[in-house]
Amino acid sequence: MTRSTIAALSILAAAALGTTAAHAASFDCAYASTPTEHAICDNPQLSHLDDQTSGLYYTLISNGSLSPAQVSQVKSQQVKFLQQRDACGADYNCLVSAYTAQIMYLNAVAGKGM
């Protein structure tokens, strides 16, 4: 991964973490189309969890601390997480549970424990 790619990902993660609650999700809420996306955009707590997960993920895969195999594993787990999250629909408790599990996983991979 080039330095410019890492820098761009870092800026993206920082921008996602520094936005306001109305636009705090890691995606553009103006284009929210699924029940899950609307739930995240409409709820500040879910939006914060989305930001936190996105920031952890992009930092982890771009900071150079993981081997290519580990990065591949983290990316694969992120795809599974997004599928699980989207299967929740607008169910708040299901979404909180999915985000919490992914945050714990990302922190464990980063060596931050649970």
PDB file of N, CA and C in Angstrom:
ATOM      1  N   MET A   1       0.854  -1.172   0.000  1.00  0.00           N
ATOM      2  CA  MET A   1       0.000   0.000   0.000  1.00  0.00           C
ATOM      3  C   MET A   1       0.900   1.235   0.000  1.00  0.00           C
ATOM      4  N   THR A   2       0.601   2.185  -0.841  1.00  0.00           N
ATOM      5  CA  THR A   2       1.435   3.370  -0.947  1.00  0.00           C
ATOM      6  C   THR A   2       1.154   4.341   0.190  1.00  0.00           C
ATOM      7  N   ARG A   3       2.083   5.240   0.388  1.00  0.00           N
ATOM      8  CA  ARG A   3       1.893   6.256   1.442  1.00  0.00           C
ATOM      9  C   ARG A   3       0.686   7.130   1.164  1.00  0.00           C
ATOM     10  N   SER A   4       0.473   7.456  -0.119  1.00  0.00           N
ATOM     11  CA  SER A   4      -0.665   8.316  -0.446  1.00  0.00           C
ATOM     12  C   SER A   4      -1.983   7.601  -0.171  1.00  0.00           C
ATOM     13  N   THR A   5      -2.029   6.279  -0.402  1.00  0.00           N
ATOM     14  CA  THR A   5      -3.237   5.515  -0.106  1.00  0.00           C
ATOM     15  C   THR A   5      -3.494   5.490   1.395  1.00  0.00           C
ATOM     16  N   ILE A   6      -2.435   5.257   2.160  1.00  0.00           N
ATOM     17  CA  ILE A   6      -2.566   5.243   3.617  1.00  0.00           C
ATOM     18  C   ILE A   6      -3.009   6.613   4.120  1.00  0.00           C
ATOM     19  N   ALA A   7      -2.438   7.657   3.572  1.00  0.00           N
ATOM     20  CA  ALA A   7      -2.820   9.011   3.980  1.00  0.00           C
ATOM     21  C   ALA A   7      -4.286   9.283   3.649  1.00  0.00           C
ATOM     22  N   ALA A   8      -4.707   8.861   2.463  1.00  0.00           N
ATOM     23  CA  ALA A   8      -6.094   9.078   2.066  1.00  0.00           C
ATOM     24  C   ALA A   8      -7.048   8.325   2.976  1.00  0.00           C
ATOM     25  N   LEU A   9      -6.707   7.079   3.317  1.00  0.00           N
ATOM     26  CA  LEU A   9      -7.557   6.300   4.226  1.00  0.00           C
ATOM     27  C   LEU A   9      -7.591   6.919   5.611  1.00  0.00           C
ATOM     28  N   SER A  10      -6.471   7.440   6.072  1.00  0.00           N
ATOM     29  CA  SER A  10      -6.418   8.083   7.384  1.00  0.00           C
ATOM     30  C   SER A  10      -7.291   9.328   7.412  1.00  0.00           C
ATOM     31  N   ILE A  11      -7.237  10.096   6.335  1.00  0.00           N
ATOM     32  CA  ILE A  11      -8.065  11.304   6.244  1.00  0.00           C
ATOM     33  C   ILE A  11      -9.533  10.924   6.229  1.00  0.00           C
ATOM     34  N   LEU A  12      -9.865   9.860   5.477  1.00  0.00           N
ATOM     35  CA  LEU A  12     -11.248   9.398   5.422  1.00  0.00           C
ATOM     36  C   LEU A  12     -11.737   8.983   6.798  1.00  0.00           C
ATOM     37  N   ALA A  13     -10.926   8.221   7.510  1.00  0.00           N
ATOM     38  CA  ALA A  13     -11.313   7.786   8.854  1.00  0.00           C
ATOM     39  C   ALA A  13     -11.472   8.978   9.790  1.00  0.00           C
ATOM     40  N   ALA A  14     -10.544   9.920   9.725  1.00  0.00           N
ATOM     41  CA  ALA A  14     -10.627  11.102  10.588  1.00  0.00           C
ATOM     42  C   ALA A  14     -11.857  11.935  10.243  1.00  0.00           C
ATOM     43  N   ALA A  15     -12.155  12.054   8.968  1.00  0.00           N
ATOM     44  CA  ALA A  15     -13.328  12.815   8.551  1.00  0.00           C
ATOM     45  C   ALA A  15     -14.604  12.154   9.048  1.00  0.00           C
ATOM     46  N   ALA A  16     -14.649  10.838   8.982  1.00  0.00           N
ATOM     47  CA  ALA A  16     -15.835  10.115   9.457  1.00  0.00           C
ATOM     48  C   ALA A  16     -16.023  10.312  10.951  1.00  0.00           C
ATOM     49  N   LEU A  17     -14.941  10.372  11.688  1.00  0.00           N
ATOM     50  CA  LEU A  17     -15.034  10.532  13.137  1.00  0.00           C
ATOM     51  C   LEU A  17     -15.340  11.963  13.543  1.00  0.00           C
ATOM     52  N   GLY A  18     -15.048  12.916  12.686  1.00  0.00           N
ATOM     53  CA  GLY A  18     -15.214  14.309  13.066  1.00  0.00           C
ATOM     54  C   GLY A  18     -16.461  14.969  12.538  1.00  0.00           C
ATOM     55  N   THR A  19     -17.377  14.212  11.945  1.00  0.00           N
ATOM     56  CA  THR A  19     -18.560  14.816  11.379  1.00  0.00           C
ATOM     57  C   THR A  19     -19.636  14.990  12.432  1.00  0.00           C
ATOM     58  N   THR A  20     -20.680  15.734  12.068  1.00  0.00           N
ATOM     59  CA  THR A  20     -21.779  15.964  12.996  1.00  0.00           C
ATOM     60  C   THR A  20     -22.696  14.756  13.027  1.00  0.00           C
ATOM     61  N   ALA A  21     -23.559  14.689  14.029  1.00  0.00           N
ATOM     62  CA  ALA A  21     -24.444  13.538  14.207  1.00  0.00           C
ATOM     63  C   ALA A  21     -25.370  13.338  13.014  1.00  0.00           C
ATOM     64  N   ALA A  22     -25.817  14.410  12.378  1.00  0.00           N
ATOM     65  CA  ALA A  22     -26.732  14.276  11.249  1.00  0.00           C
ATOM     66  C   ALA A  22     -26.074  13.574  10.072  1.00  0.00           C
ATOM     67  N   HIS A  23     -24.777  13.673   9.979  1.00  0.00           N
ATOM     68  CA  HIS A  23     -24.048  13.041   8.886  1.00  0.00           C
ATOM     69  C   HIS A  23     -22.932  12.160   9.426  1.00  0.00           C
ATOM     70  N   ALA A  24     -23.136  11.616  10.607  1.00  0.00           N
ATOM     71  CA  ALA A  24     -22.040  10.936  11.290  1.00  0.00           C
ATOM     72  C   ALA A  24     -21.791   9.524  10.799  1.00  0.00           C
ATOM     73  N   ALA A  25     -22.730   8.943  10.094  1.00  0.00           N
ATOM     74  CA  ALA A  25     -22.507   7.584   9.617  1.00  0.00           C
ATOM     75  C   ALA A  25     -21.337   7.546   8.648  1.00  0.00           C
ATOM     76  N   SER A  26     -20.732   6.374   8.501  1.00  0.00           N
ATOM     77  CA  SER A  26     -19.562   6.232   7.639  1.00  0.00           C
ATOM     78  C   SER A  26     -19.936   6.271   6.160  1.00  0.00           C
ATOM     79  N   PHE A  27     -21.182   6.420   5.883  1.00  0.00           N
ATOM     80  CA  PHE A  27     -21.680   6.554   4.513  1.00  0.00           C
ATOM     81  C   PHE A  27     -22.513   7.824   4.442  1.00  0.00           C
ATOM     82  N   ASP A  28     -22.831   8.267   3.252  1.00  0.00           N
ATOM     83  CA  ASP A  28     -23.592   9.501   3.065  1.00  0.00           C
ATOM     84  C   ASP A  28     -25.072   9.229   3.320  1.00  0.00           C
ATOM     85  N   CYS A  29     -25.586   9.794   4.394  1.00  0.00           N
ATOM     86  CA  CYS A  29     -26.979   9.561   4.769  1.00  0.00           C
ATOM     87  C   CYS A  29     -27.968  10.096   3.719  1.00  0.00           C
ATOM     88  N   ALA A  30     -27.537  11.006   2.890  1.00  0.00           N
ATOM     89  CA  ALA A  30     -28.413  11.503   1.835  1.00  0.00           C
ATOM     90  C   ALA A  30     -28.783  10.385   0.864  1.00  0.00           C
ATOM     91  N   TYR A  31     -27.960   9.359   0.819  1.00  0.00           N
ATOM     92  CA  TYR A  31     -28.207   8.236  -0.083  1.00  0.00           C
ATOM     93  C   TYR A  31     -28.650   6.971   0.657  1.00  0.00           C
ATOM     94  N   ALA A  32     -29.023   7.102   1.920  1.00  0.00           N
ATOM     95  CA  ALA A  32     -29.506   5.944   2.688  1.00  0.00           C
ATOM     96  C   ALA A  32     -30.719   5.359   1.983  1.00  0.00           C
ATOM     97  N   SER A  33     -30.697   4.040   1.764  1.00  0.00           N
ATOM     98  CA  SER A  33     -31.797   3.437   1.030  1.00  0.00           C
ATOM     99  C   SER A  33     -32.375   2.200   1.720  1.00  0.00           C
ATOM    100  N   THR A  34     -31.662   1.626   2.665  1.00  0.00           N
ATOM    101  CA  THR A  34     -32.151   0.420   3.331  1.00  0.00           C
ATOM    102  C   THR A  34     -32.658   0.769   4.734  1.00  0.00           C
ATOM    103  N   PRO A  35     -33.476  -0.098   5.312  1.00  0.00           N
ATOM    104  CA  PRO A  35     -33.919   0.145   6.693  1.00  0.00           C
ATOM    105  C   PRO A  35     -32.739   0.289   7.655  1.00  0.00           C
ATOM    106  N   THR A  36     -31.682  -0.500   7.437  1.00  0.00           N
ATOM    107  CA  THR A  36     -30.502  -0.426   8.299  1.00  0.00           C
ATOM    108  C   THR A  36     -29.838   0.942   8.183  1.00  0.00           C
ATOM    109  N   GLU A  37     -29.632   1.398   6.963  1.00  0.00           N
ATOM    110  CA  GLU A  37     -28.988   2.698   6.758  1.00  0.00           C
ATOM    111  C   GLU A  37     -29.826   3.825   7.351  1.00  0.00           C
ATOM    112  N   HIS A  38     -31.135   3.763   7.176  1.00  0.00           N
ATOM    113  CA  HIS A  38     -32.004   4.796   7.760  1.00  0.00           C
ATOM    114  C   HIS A  38     -31.942   4.765   9.282  1.00  0.00           C
ATOM    115  N   ALA A  39     -31.927   3.565   9.869  1.00  0.00           N
ATOM    116  CA  ALA A  39     -31.840   3.447  11.330  1.00  0.00           C
ATOM    117  C   ALA A  39     -30.542   4.059  11.839  1.00  0.00           C
ATOM    118  N   ILE A  40     -29.449   3.804  11.152  1.00  0.00           N
ATOM    119  CA  ILE A  40     -28.144   4.352  11.555  1.00  0.00           C
ATOM    120  C   ILE A  40     -28.149   5.871  11.434  1.00  0.00           C
ATOM    121  N   CYS A  41     -28.678   6.381  10.350  1.00  0.00           N
ATOM    122  CA  CYS A  41     -28.703   7.826  10.140  1.00  0.00           C
ATOM    123  C   CYS A  41     -29.649   8.550  11.096  1.00  0.00           C
ATOM    124  N   ASP A  42     -30.706   7.873  11.502  1.00  0.00           N
ATOM    125  CA  ASP A  42     -31.721   8.488  12.357  1.00  0.00           C
ATOM    126  C   ASP A  42     -31.428   8.390  13.849  1.00  0.00           C
ATOM    127  N   ASN A  43     -30.418   7.612  14.229  1.00  0.00           N
ATOM    128  CA  ASN A  43     -30.140   7.395  15.637  1.00  0.00           C
ATOM    129  C   ASN A  43     -28.697   7.783  15.959  1.00  0.00           C
ATOM    130  N   PRO A  44     -28.490   8.794  16.791  1.00  0.00           N
ATOM    131  CA  PRO A  44     -27.128   9.245  17.095  1.00  0.00           C
ATOM    132  C   PRO A  44     -26.235   8.153  17.695  1.00  0.00           C
ATOM    133  N   GLN A  45     -26.810   7.272  18.509  1.00  0.00           N
ATOM    134  CA  GLN A  45     -25.994   6.213  19.104  1.00  0.00           C
ATOM    135  C   GLN A  45     -25.523   5.224  18.043  1.00  0.00           C
ATOM    136  N   LEU A  46     -26.421   4.827  17.147  1.00  0.00           N
ATOM    137  CA  LEU A  46     -26.039   3.918  16.072  1.00  0.00           C
ATOM    138  C   LEU A  46     -25.043   4.574  15.123  1.00  0.00           C
ATOM    139  N   SER A  47     -25.267   5.846  14.861  1.00  0.00           N
ATOM    140  CA  SER A  47     -24.349   6.575  13.989  1.00  0.00           C
ATOM    141  C   SER A  47     -22.950   6.636  14.604  1.00  0.00           C
ATOM    142  N   HIS A  48     -22.897   6.844  15.910  1.00  0.00           N
ATOM    143  CA  HIS A  48     -21.608   6.863  16.606  1.00  0.00           C
ATOM    144  C   HIS A  48     -20.930   5.492  16.530  1.00  0.00           C
ATOM    145  N   LEU A  49     -21.695   4.422  16.739  1.00  0.00           N
ATOM    146  CA  LEU A  49     -21.117   3.077  16.635  1.00  0.00           C
ATOM    147  C   LEU A  49     -20.611   2.814  15.221  1.00  0.00           C
ATOM    148  N   ASP A  50     -21.341   3.306  14.227  1.00  0.00           N
ATOM    149  CA  ASP A  50     -20.913   3.150  12.845  1.00  0.00           C
ATOM    150  C   ASP A  50     -19.599   3.885  12.606  1.00  0.00           C
ATOM    151  N   ASP A  51     -19.510   5.100  13.104  1.00  0.00           N
ATOM    152  CA  ASP A  51     -18.271   5.881  12.991  1.00  0.00           C
ATOM    153  C   ASP A  51     -17.104   5.177  13.673  1.00  0.00           C
ATOM    154  N   GLN A  52     -17.361   4.709  14.874  1.00  0.00           N
ATOM    155  CA  GLN A  52     -16.312   4.052  15.654  1.00  0.00           C
ATOM    156  C   GLN A  52     -15.805   2.804  14.933  1.00  0.00           C
ATOM    157  N   THR A  53     -16.724   1.998  14.446  1.00  0.00           N
ATOM    158  CA  THR A  53     -16.349   0.776  13.736  1.00  0.00           C
ATOM    159  C   THR A  53     -15.572   1.099  12.474  1.00  0.00           C
ATOM    160  N   SER A  54     -16.060   2.052  11.721  1.00  0.00           N
ATOM    161  CA  SER A  54     -15.381   2.447  10.484  1.00  0.00           C
ATOM    162  C   SER A  54     -13.980   2.974  10.762  1.00  0.00           C
ATOM    163  N   GLY A  55     -13.857   3.830  11.768  1.00  0.00           N
ATOM    164  CA  GLY A  55     -12.549   4.386  12.118  1.00  0.00           C
ATOM    165  C   GLY A  55     -11.562   3.317  12.552  1.00  0.00           C
ATOM    166  N   LEU A  56     -12.009   2.405  13.395  1.00  0.00           N
ATOM    167  CA  LEU A  56     -11.141   1.307  13.835  1.00  0.00           C
ATOM    168  C   LEU A  56     -10.709   0.450  12.656  1.00  0.00           C
ATOM    169  N   TYR A  57     -11.659   0.121  11.792  1.00  0.00           N
ATOM    170  CA  TYR A  57     -11.382  -0.732  10.644  1.00  0.00           C
ATOM    171  C   TYR A  57     -10.345  -0.092   9.720  1.00  0.00           C
ATOM    172  N   TYR A  58     -10.593   1.144   9.298  1.00  0.00           N
ATOM    173  CA  TYR A  58      -9.672   1.797   8.357  1.00  0.00           C
ATOM    174  C   TYR A  58      -8.306   2.049   8.978  1.00  0.00           C
ATOM    175  N   THR A  59      -8.265   2.380  10.246  1.00  0.00           N
ATOM    176  CA  THR A  59      -6.977   2.560  10.915  1.00  0.00           C
ATOM    177  C   THR A  59      -6.215   1.248  10.958  1.00  0.00           C
ATOM    178  N   LEU A  60      -6.895   0.190  11.315  1.00  0.00           N
ATOM    179  CA  LEU A  60      -6.261  -1.118  11.460  1.00  0.00           C
ATOM    180  C   LEU A  60      -5.696  -1.636  10.141  1.00  0.00           C
ATOM    181  N   ILE A  61      -6.459  -1.502   9.063  1.00  0.00           N
ATOM    182  CA  ILE A  61      -5.981  -2.052   7.795  1.00  0.00           C
ATOM    183  C   ILE A  61      -4.971  -1.156   7.101  1.00  0.00           C
ATOM    184  N   SER A  62      -4.843   0.079   7.563  1.00  0.00           N
ATOM    185  CA  SER A  62      -3.942   0.996   6.859  1.00  0.00           C
ATOM    186  C   SER A  62      -2.715   1.423   7.648  1.00  0.00           C
ATOM    187  N   ASN A  63      -2.601   1.039   8.912  1.00  0.00           N
ATOM    188  CA  ASN A  63      -1.491   1.569   9.712  1.00  0.00           C
ATOM    189  C   ASN A  63      -0.205   0.758   9.604  1.00  0.00           C
ATOM    190  N   GLY A  64      -0.218  -0.341   8.855  1.00  0.00           N
ATOM    191  CA  GLY A  64       0.993  -1.110   8.636  1.00  0.00           C
ATOM    192  C   GLY A  64       1.371  -2.062   9.751  1.00  0.00           C
ATOM    193  N   SER A  65       0.536  -2.214  10.759  1.00  0.00           N
ATOM    194  CA  SER A  65       0.877  -3.079  11.885  1.00  0.00           C
ATOM    195  C   SER A  65       0.507  -4.543  11.646  1.00  0.00           C
ATOM    196  N   LEU A  66      -0.290  -4.816  10.612  1.00  0.00           N
ATOM    197  CA  LEU A  66      -0.739  -6.177  10.337  1.00  0.00           C
ATOM    198  C   LEU A  66      -0.036  -6.740   9.106  1.00  0.00           C
ATOM    199  N   SER A  67       0.114  -8.035   9.102  1.00  0.00           N
ATOM    200  CA  SER A  67       0.652  -8.716   7.922  1.00  0.00           C
ATOM    201  C   SER A  67      -0.419  -8.690   6.825  1.00  0.00           C
ATOM    202  N   PRO A  68      -0.015  -8.914   5.575  1.00  0.00           N
ATOM    203  CA  PRO A  68      -1.021  -8.970   4.508  1.00  0.00           C
ATOM    204  C   PRO A  68      -2.106 -10.022   4.780  1.00  0.00           C
ATOM    205  N   ALA A  69      -1.718 -11.148   5.358  1.00  0.00           N
ATOM    206  CA  ALA A  69      -2.706 -12.192   5.680  1.00  0.00           C
ATOM    207  C   ALA A  69      -3.690 -11.693   6.736  1.00  0.00           C
ATOM    208  N   GLN A  70      -3.190 -10.967   7.729  1.00  0.00           N
ATOM    209  CA  GLN A  70      -4.075 -10.432   8.771  1.00  0.00           C
ATOM    210  C   GLN A  70      -5.018  -9.379   8.189  1.00  0.00           C
ATOM    211  N   VAL A  71      -4.495  -8.529   7.308  1.00  0.00           N
ATOM    212  CA  VAL A  71      -5.340  -7.513   6.665  1.00  0.00           C
ATOM    213  C   VAL A  71      -6.450  -8.204   5.884  1.00  0.00           C
ATOM    214  N   SER A  72      -6.108  -9.264   5.167  1.00  0.00           N
ATOM    215  CA  SER A  72      -7.096 -10.016   4.405  1.00  0.00           C
ATOM    216  C   SER A  72      -8.164 -10.603   5.327  1.00  0.00           C
ATOM    217  N   GLN A  73      -7.740 -11.116   6.473  1.00  0.00           N
ATOM    218  CA  GLN A  73      -8.683 -11.687   7.441  1.00  0.00           C
ATOM    219  C   GLN A  73      -9.606 -10.602   8.003  1.00  0.00           C
ATOM    220  N   VAL A  74      -9.049  -9.447   8.322  1.00  0.00           N
ATOM    221  CA  VAL A  74      -9.858  -8.343   8.863  1.00  0.00           C
ATOM    222  C   VAL A  74     -10.872  -7.874   7.810  1.00  0.00           C
ATOM    223  N   LYS A  75     -10.436  -7.780   6.568  1.00  0.00           N
ATOM    224  CA  LYS A  75     -11.352  -7.364   5.499  1.00  0.00           C
ATOM    225  C   LYS A  75     -12.475  -8.386   5.321  1.00  0.00           C
ATOM    226  N   SER A  76     -12.133  -9.663   5.393  1.00  0.00           N
ATOM    227  CA  SER A  76     -13.136 -10.715   5.270  1.00  0.00           C
ATOM    228  C   SER A  76     -14.142 -10.637   6.420  1.00  0.00           C
ATOM    229  N   GLN A  77     -13.651 -10.406   7.622  1.00  0.00           N
ATOM    230  CA  GLN A  77     -14.536 -10.278   8.782  1.00  0.00           C
ATOM    231  C   GLN A  77     -15.420  -9.037   8.654  1.00  0.00           C
ATOM    232  N   GLN A  78     -14.900  -7.967   8.074  1.00  0.00           N
ATOM    233  CA  GLN A  78     -15.688  -6.749   7.894  1.00  0.00           C
ATOM    234  C   GLN A  78     -16.853  -7.015   6.938  1.00  0.00           C
ATOM    235  N   VAL A  79     -16.615  -7.790   5.894  1.00  0.00           N
ATOM    236  CA  VAL A  79     -17.690  -8.145   4.965  1.00  0.00           C
ATOM    237  C   VAL A  79     -18.766  -8.943   5.692  1.00  0.00           C
ATOM    238  N   LYS A  80     -18.347  -9.898   6.513  1.00  0.00           N
ATOM    239  CA  LYS A  80     -19.310 -10.693   7.291  1.00  0.00           C
ATOM    240  C   LYS A  80     -20.093  -9.798   8.253  1.00  0.00           C
ATOM    241  N   PHE A  81     -19.373  -8.879   8.901  1.00  0.00           N
ATOM    242  CA  PHE A  81     -20.045  -7.947   9.814  1.00  0.00           C
ATOM    243  C   PHE A  81     -21.105  -7.128   9.079  1.00  0.00           C
ATOM    244  N   LEU A  82     -20.750  -6.596   7.920  1.00  0.00           N
ATOM    245  CA  LEU A  82     -21.709  -5.773   7.176  1.00  0.00           C
ATOM    246  C   LEU A  82     -22.938  -6.588   6.767  1.00  0.00           C
ATOM    247  N   GLN A  83     -22.745  -7.844   6.429  1.00  0.00           N
ATOM    248  CA  GLN A  83     -23.879  -8.713   6.107  1.00  0.00           C
ATOM    249  C   GLN A  83     -24.751  -8.930   7.341  1.00  0.00           C
ATOM    250  N   GLN A  84     -24.118  -9.167   8.491  1.00  0.00           N
ATOM    251  CA  GLN A  84     -24.864  -9.358   9.735  1.00  0.00           C
ATOM    252  C   GLN A  84     -25.596  -8.077  10.116  1.00  0.00           C
ATOM    253  N   ARG A  85     -24.909  -6.961  10.004  1.00  0.00           N
ATOM    254  CA  ARG A  85     -25.515  -5.665  10.325  1.00  0.00           C
ATOM    255  C   ARG A  85     -26.721  -5.415   9.437  1.00  0.00           C
ATOM    256  N   ASP A  86     -26.563  -5.620   8.144  1.00  0.00           N
ATOM    257  CA  ASP A  86     -27.659  -5.349   7.221  1.00  0.00           C
ATOM    258  C   ASP A  86     -28.838  -6.295   7.425  1.00  0.00           C
ATOM    259  N   ALA A  87     -28.564  -7.511   7.912  1.00  0.00           N
ATOM    260  CA  ALA A  87     -29.641  -8.462   8.197  1.00  0.00           C
ATOM    261  C   ALA A  87     -30.492  -8.001   9.387  1.00  0.00           C
ATOM    262  N   CYS A  88     -29.967  -7.084  10.186  1.00  0.00           N
ATOM    263  CA  CYS A  88     -30.721  -6.568  11.337  1.00  0.00           C
ATOM    264  C   CYS A  88     -31.882  -5.687  10.913  1.00  0.00           C
ATOM    265  N   GLY A  89     -31.829  -5.144   9.722  1.00  0.00           N
ATOM    266  CA  GLY A  89     -32.854  -4.184   9.329  1.00  0.00           C
ATOM    267  C   GLY A  89     -32.764  -2.975  10.246  1.00  0.00           C
ATOM    268  N   ALA A  90     -33.885  -2.555  10.783  1.00  0.00           N
ATOM    269  CA  ALA A  90     -33.914  -1.393  11.668  1.00  0.00           C
ATOM    270  C   ALA A  90     -33.975  -1.788  13.143  1.00  0.00           C
ATOM    271  N   ASP A  91     -33.702  -3.042  13.453  1.00  0.00           N
ATOM    272  CA  ASP A  91     -33.764  -3.534  14.835  1.00  0.00           C
ATOM    273  C   ASP A  91     -32.590  -2.967  15.642  1.00  0.00           C
ATOM    274  N   TYR A  92     -32.888  -2.017  16.521  1.00  0.00           N
ATOM    275  CA  TYR A  92     -31.874  -1.306  17.287  1.00  0.00           C
ATOM    276  C   TYR A  92     -30.980  -2.256  18.079  1.00  0.00           C
ATOM    277  N   ASN A  93     -31.580  -3.171  18.836  1.00  0.00           N
ATOM    278  CA  ASN A  93     -30.794  -4.079  19.675  1.00  0.00           C
ATOM    279  C   ASN A  93     -29.890  -4.976  18.840  1.00  0.00           C
ATOM    280  N   CYS A  94     -30.384  -5.452  17.726  1.00  0.00           N
ATOM    281  CA  CYS A  94     -29.588  -6.278  16.825  1.00  0.00           C
ATOM    282  C   CYS A  94     -28.407  -5.476  16.273  1.00  0.00           C
ATOM    283  N   LEU A  95     -28.657  -4.229  15.892  1.00  0.00           N
ATOM    284  CA  LEU A  95     -27.589  -3.376  15.357  1.00  0.00           C
ATOM    285  C   LEU A  95     -26.532  -3.086  16.422  1.00  0.00           C
ATOM    286  N   VAL A  96     -26.961  -2.774  17.630  1.00  0.00           N
ATOM    287  CA  VAL A  96     -26.009  -2.522  18.719  1.00  0.00           C
ATOM    288  C   VAL A  96     -25.162  -3.761  18.965  1.00  0.00           C
ATOM    289  N   SER A  97     -25.787  -4.916  18.968  1.00  0.00           N
ATOM    290  CA  SER A  97     -25.065  -6.161  19.187  1.00  0.00           C
ATOM    291  C   SER A  97     -24.044  -6.430  18.081  1.00  0.00           C
ATOM    292  N   ALA A  98     -24.442  -6.216  16.828  1.00  0.00           N
ATOM    293  CA  ALA A  98     -23.531  -6.434  15.701  1.00  0.00           C
ATOM    294  C   ALA A  98     -22.343  -5.473  15.771  1.00  0.00           C
ATOM    295  N   TYR A  99     -22.615  -4.202  16.030  1.00  0.00           N
ATOM    296  CA  TYR A  99     -21.527  -3.221  16.133  1.00  0.00           C
ATOM    297  C   TYR A  99     -20.604  -3.520  17.305  1.00  0.00           C
ATOM    298  N   THR A 100     -21.184  -3.875  18.446  1.00  0.00           N
ATOM    299  CA  THR A 100     -20.372  -4.162  19.633  1.00  0.00           C
ATOM    300  C   THR A 100     -19.438  -5.337  19.376  1.00  0.00           C
ATOM    301  N   ALA A 101     -19.956  -6.385  18.755  1.00  0.00           N
ATOM    302  CA  ALA A 101     -19.127  -7.552  18.453  1.00  0.00           C
ATOM    303  C   ALA A 101     -17.994  -7.186  17.498  1.00  0.00           C
ATOM    304  N   GLN A 102     -18.284  -6.378  16.488  1.00  0.00           N
ATOM    305  CA  GLN A 102     -17.243  -6.003  15.521  1.00  0.00           C
ATOM    306  C   GLN A 102     -16.200  -5.095  16.166  1.00  0.00           C
ATOM    307  N   ILE A 103     -16.616  -4.176  16.999  1.00  0.00           N
ATOM    308  CA  ILE A 103     -15.670  -3.294  17.695  1.00  0.00           C
ATOM    309  C   ILE A 103     -14.761  -4.123  18.599  1.00  0.00           C
ATOM    310  N   MET A 104     -15.329  -5.090  19.299  1.00  0.00           N
ATOM    311  CA  MET A 104     -14.518  -5.957  20.161  1.00  0.00           C
ATOM    312  C   MET A 104     -13.517  -6.762  19.325  1.00  0.00           C
ATOM    313  N   TYR A 105     -13.954  -7.270  18.184  1.00  0.00           N
ATOM    314  CA  TYR A 105     -13.064  -8.015  17.292  1.00  0.00           C
ATOM    315  C   TYR A 105     -11.917  -7.125  16.808  1.00  0.00           C
ATOM    316  N   LEU A 106     -12.253  -5.941  16.316  1.00  0.00           N
ATOM    317  CA  LEU A 106     -11.221  -5.038  15.789  1.00  0.00           C
ATOM    318  C   LEU A 106     -10.224  -4.625  16.880  1.00  0.00           C
ATOM    319  N   ASN A 107     -10.737  -4.359  18.069  1.00  0.00           N
ATOM    320  CA  ASN A 107      -9.842  -4.022  19.182  1.00  0.00           C
ATOM    321  C   ASN A 107      -8.931  -5.197  19.548  1.00  0.00           C
ATOM    322  N   ALA A 108      -9.465  -6.405  19.509  1.00  0.00           N
ATOM    323  CA  ALA A 108      -8.662  -7.591  19.823  1.00  0.00           C
ATOM    324  C   ALA A 108      -7.551  -7.766  18.786  1.00  0.00           C
ATOM    325  N   VAL A 109      -7.874  -7.589  17.524  1.00  0.00           N
ATOM    326  CA  VAL A 109      -6.868  -7.697  16.459  1.00  0.00           C
ATOM    327  C   VAL A 109      -5.809  -6.622  16.640  1.00  0.00           C
ATOM    328  N   ALA A 110      -6.221  -5.451  17.070  1.00  0.00           N
ATOM    329  CA  ALA A 110      -5.292  -4.343  17.276  1.00  0.00           C
ATOM    330  C   ALA A 110      -4.465  -4.511  18.547  1.00  0.00           C
ATOM    331  N   GLY A 111      -4.795  -5.542  19.342  1.00  0.00           N
ATOM    332  CA  GLY A 111      -4.066  -5.782  20.572  1.00  0.00           C
ATOM    333  C   GLY A 111      -4.519  -4.920  21.726  1.00  0.00           C
ATOM    334  N   LYS A 112      -5.729  -4.362  21.607  1.00  0.00           N
ATOM    335  CA  LYS A 112      -6.254  -3.493  22.661  1.00  0.00           C
ATOM    336  C   LYS A 112      -7.123  -4.249  23.651  1.00  0.00           C
ATOM    337  N   GLY A 113      -7.271  -5.551  23.451  1.00  0.00           N
ATOM    338  CA  GLY A 113      -8.118  -6.322  24.341  1.00  0.00           C
ATOM    339  C   GLY A 113      -9.573  -5.979  24.158  1.00  0.00           C
ATOM    340  N   MET A 114     -10.361  -6.398  25.108  1.00  0.00           N
ATOM    341  CA  MET A 114     -11.797  -6.131  25.004  1.00  0.00           C
ATOM    342  C   MET A 114     -12.121  -5.099  26.010  1.00  0.00           C
TER     343      MET A 114
END
